[in-house]
Protein backbone atom coordinates (compact mmCIF):
# COMPACT_ATOMS: atom_id res chain seq x y z
CA MET A 1 -52.92 51.50 -47.81
CA THR A 2 -50.90 53.69 -45.50
CA ILE A 3 -48.08 52.29 -43.38
CA ARG A 4 -47.68 54.16 -40.17
CA PRO A 5 -44.16 55.42 -39.46
CA GLY A 6 -44.11 53.75 -36.03
CA LEU A 7 -45.05 50.37 -37.45
CA LEU A 8 -42.43 50.71 -40.17
CA ALA A 9 -39.76 51.65 -37.60
CA LEU A 10 -40.72 48.71 -35.37
CA THR A 11 -40.58 46.28 -38.30
CA LEU A 12 -37.19 47.60 -39.35
CA LEU A 13 -35.88 47.40 -35.78
CA LEU A 14 -37.06 43.80 -35.37
CA THR A 15 -35.53 42.77 -38.68
CA LEU A 16 -32.18 44.34 -37.93
CA SER A 17 -32.00 43.05 -34.36
CA GLY A 18 -32.84 39.53 -35.55
CA GLN A 19 -30.08 39.67 -38.14
CA ALA A 20 -27.60 40.99 -35.58
CA GLN A 21 -28.58 38.28 -33.12
CA ALA A 22 -28.24 35.55 -35.74
CA TYR A 23 -24.81 36.91 -36.64
CA SER A 24 -23.70 36.98 -33.01
CA TYR A 25 -24.81 33.36 -32.50
CA SER A 26 -22.95 32.16 -35.57
CA TYR A 27 -19.90 34.26 -34.73
CA ALA A 28 -19.78 32.95 -31.16
CA ALA A 29 -20.08 29.40 -32.42
CA ALA A 30 -17.42 29.92 -35.05
CA GLY A 31 -14.59 30.57 -32.58
CA LYS A 32 -11.22 28.90 -32.91
CA GLU A 33 -11.01 25.22 -32.19
CA PRO A 34 -7.36 24.28 -31.66
CA LEU A 35 -7.99 20.55 -32.10
CA ILE A 36 -9.65 21.07 -35.48
CA ASP A 37 -7.11 23.70 -36.53
CA ALA A 38 -4.23 21.30 -35.76
CA ARG A 39 -5.67 18.38 -37.75
CA GLU A 40 -3.98 19.07 -41.09
CA ALA A 41 -0.61 19.81 -39.50
CA LEU A 42 -0.70 16.60 -37.46
CA LEU A 43 -1.84 14.42 -40.36
CA GLY A 44 0.78 16.02 -42.60
CA ALA A 45 3.47 15.38 -40.01
CA ALA A 46 2.39 11.75 -39.67
CA THR A 47 2.44 11.28 -43.42
CA ASP A 48 5.78 13.00 -43.98
CA GLY A 49 7.44 11.93 -40.74
CA LYS A 50 8.02 15.54 -39.69
CA ASP A 51 8.36 16.77 -36.13
CA ALA A 52 4.95 17.75 -34.75
CA SER A 53 6.02 18.62 -31.22
CA ALA A 54 5.20 22.32 -31.67
CA THR A 55 1.68 21.53 -32.87
CA LEU A 56 1.18 18.97 -30.11
CA SER A 57 2.29 21.49 -27.49
CA GLU A 58 -0.26 23.99 -28.89
CA ILE A 59 -3.09 21.55 -28.20
CA ALA A 60 -1.67 20.01 -25.03
CA ASP A 61 -4.15 21.80 -22.75
CA GLU A 62 -7.14 20.52 -24.74
CA LEU A 63 -5.76 16.99 -24.86
CA THR A 64 -4.95 17.02 -21.13
CA TYR A 65 -8.49 18.18 -20.33
CA LEU A 66 -10.01 15.40 -22.42
CA GLU A 67 -7.70 12.79 -20.88
CA GLU A 68 -8.58 13.89 -17.35
CA HIS A 69 -12.32 14.44 -17.77
CA HIS A 70 -13.28 11.98 -20.50
CA LYS A 71 -10.85 9.18 -19.68
CA VAL A 72 -9.30 8.87 -23.14
CA GLU A 73 -5.59 8.49 -23.66
CA LEU A 74 -4.51 10.82 -26.45
CA GLN A 75 -1.17 12.60 -26.00
CA ALA A 76 1.29 9.71 -25.85
CA PRO A 77 -0.43 7.59 -28.53
CA LEU A 78 -0.77 10.62 -30.80
CA ALA A 79 2.91 11.49 -30.48
CA ALA A 80 3.85 7.84 -31.12
CA ALA A 81 1.56 7.59 -34.18
CA ILE A 82 3.03 10.74 -35.69
CA LYS A 83 6.59 9.62 -34.97
CA GLY A 84 5.81 6.22 -36.49
CA LYS A 85 4.45 7.88 -39.66
CA ASP A 86 1.06 6.27 -39.06
CA ALA A 87 -1.46 8.68 -40.58
CA ALA A 88 -4.36 6.26 -40.10
CA ALA A 89 -3.68 5.92 -36.37
CA THR A 90 -3.24 9.71 -36.11
CA ALA A 91 -6.60 10.28 -37.80
CA ALA A 92 -8.28 7.68 -35.54
CA LEU A 93 -6.83 9.32 -32.41
CA LEU A 94 -7.96 12.75 -33.57
CA ASN A 95 -11.46 11.37 -34.20
CA ARG A 96 -11.42 9.97 -30.66
CA ALA A 97 -10.51 13.44 -29.38
CA TYR A 98 -13.31 14.99 -31.46
CA LYS A 99 -15.79 12.45 -30.10
CA ALA A 100 -14.77 13.42 -26.55
CA GLU A 101 -15.20 17.11 -27.49
CA ILE A 102 -18.70 16.40 -28.82
CA GLU A 103 -19.54 14.62 -25.57
CA ARG A 104 -18.09 17.52 -23.56
CA ARG A 105 -20.06 20.18 -25.47
CA LEU A 106 -23.31 18.24 -25.29
CA GLU A 107 -22.87 17.69 -21.55
CA GLY A 108 -22.43 21.45 -21.21
CA ALA A 109 -25.53 22.09 -23.31
CA SER A 110 -27.49 19.63 -21.18
CA GLN A 111 -26.48 21.54 -18.05
CA ASN A 112 -27.51 24.82 -19.70
CA LEU A 113 -30.89 23.85 -21.17
CA GLY A 114 -32.45 26.78 -19.33
CA ASP A 115 -30.19 29.20 -21.22
CA TYR A 116 -31.10 28.85 -24.89
CA GLN A 117 -28.17 30.86 -26.27
CA SER A 118 -25.52 28.97 -24.29
CA ALA A 119 -27.03 25.60 -25.11
CA LYS A 120 -27.32 26.44 -28.80
CA VAL A 121 -23.71 27.64 -29.04
CA LEU A 122 -22.48 24.44 -27.39
CA VAL A 123 -24.54 22.24 -29.73
CA VAL A 124 -23.36 24.18 -32.78
CA LYS A 125 -19.74 23.84 -31.62
CA SER A 126 -20.25 20.10 -31.22
CA LYS A 127 -21.47 20.02 -34.82
CA ARG A 128 -18.13 21.45 -35.97
CA PHE A 129 -16.39 18.42 -34.46
CA LEU A 130 -18.99 16.05 -35.90
CA ASP A 131 -18.49 17.52 -39.38
CA VAL A 132 -14.80 16.56 -39.19
CA ILE A 133 -15.64 13.00 -38.10
CA LEU A 134 -18.43 12.35 -40.62
CA PRO A 135 -16.21 11.36 -43.58
CA SER A 136 -14.78 8.48 -41.56
CA LEU A 137 -18.25 7.04 -40.86
CA SER A 138 -20.34 4.78 -43.06
CA GLU A 139 -23.21 6.37 -44.99
CA GLY A 140 -25.78 4.96 -42.55
CA ASP A 141 -23.85 6.16 -39.51
CA ARG A 142 -23.40 9.62 -41.07
CA LYS A 143 -27.15 9.96 -41.53
CA ALA A 144 -27.87 8.62 -38.05
CA ALA A 145 -25.35 11.00 -36.48
CA GLU A 146 -26.71 14.01 -38.36
CA GLN A 147 -30.30 13.10 -37.44
CA ALA A 148 -29.38 12.63 -33.79
CA LEU A 149 -27.62 16.01 -33.67
CA ALA A 150 -30.64 17.65 -35.34
CA LYS A 151 -32.83 16.14 -32.59
CA VAL A 152 -30.40 17.45 -29.94
CA LEU A 153 -30.68 20.94 -31.44
CA ASP A 154 -34.47 20.69 -31.58
CA ALA A 155 -34.60 19.55 -27.94
CA ILE A 156 -32.95 22.74 -26.66
CA GLY A 157 -36.17 24.54 -27.53
CA ASN A 158 -36.59 28.02 -28.88
CA PRO A 159 -37.25 31.32 -27.10
CA GLY A 160 -39.44 32.57 -29.95
CA VAL A 161 -39.78 36.23 -30.87
CA PHE A 162 -40.99 38.17 -27.84
CA GLY A 163 -42.20 34.81 -26.54
CA VAL A 164 -44.35 34.09 -29.58
CA GLY A 165 -43.57 30.65 -30.95
CA ALA A 166 -41.53 29.80 -27.87
CA LYS A 167 -40.80 26.11 -27.37
CA PRO A 168 -39.45 24.96 -24.00
CA ALA A 169 -36.38 22.77 -23.80
CA ASP A 170 -37.09 19.05 -23.53
CA ALA A 171 -34.47 17.47 -21.26
CA ALA A 172 -35.70 13.92 -21.90
CA ALA A 173 -35.61 14.32 -25.69
CA PHE A 174 -32.18 15.96 -25.40
CA ALA A 175 -30.81 13.05 -23.35
CA GLU A 176 -32.28 10.48 -25.75
CA ALA A 177 -30.85 12.22 -28.84
CA GLN A 178 -27.48 12.71 -27.13
CA LYS A 179 -27.39 9.02 -26.23
CA ALA A 180 -28.25 8.07 -29.83
CA LEU A 181 -25.46 10.29 -31.20
CA MET A 182 -22.87 8.92 -28.80
CA ALA A 183 -23.96 5.36 -29.67
CA VAL A 184 -23.23 6.05 -33.35
CA LEU A 185 -19.83 7.46 -32.42
CA ALA A 186 -19.00 4.70 -29.90
CA PRO A 187 -16.75 2.67 -32.25
CA LEU A 188 -14.37 5.62 -32.72
């Protein structure tokens, strides 16, 4: 059997472009997340009673945004919990911030369902926040949250390869899965 040079070149090109695209999606989704990056420093400060004002000022913009747009009070209670050496309250407040970030990212994905790449990046970024919250949930809630997020990701559709295997976004399924995820996270 003879493989034609053109077919071989096309196969190689498709393979390499797919790998590059997968890398770019994961790289874009892996960007810095100040709230996640600050977690250990804030919990350590709450445990040891150290000054966390520098770390809090680094994430002030993110916290202010969440307070204004998601109606959660974070900055003052977080500073008080750290000052009071209350690691449990600090962790709970950080989880509340992460829940608001998940909500924010999924709202953005919902508004961008027509743009697969943008929606996928936002859903993947919301998963980073969910992964930090999962250990504080019960086993049943962990499974329910992971299943709901998987349904959210499935609902954004798939562009396929050159249109082959394309699956359109399903706004109703997205909204239902998003609602289910937020219901699991509601007690936080």
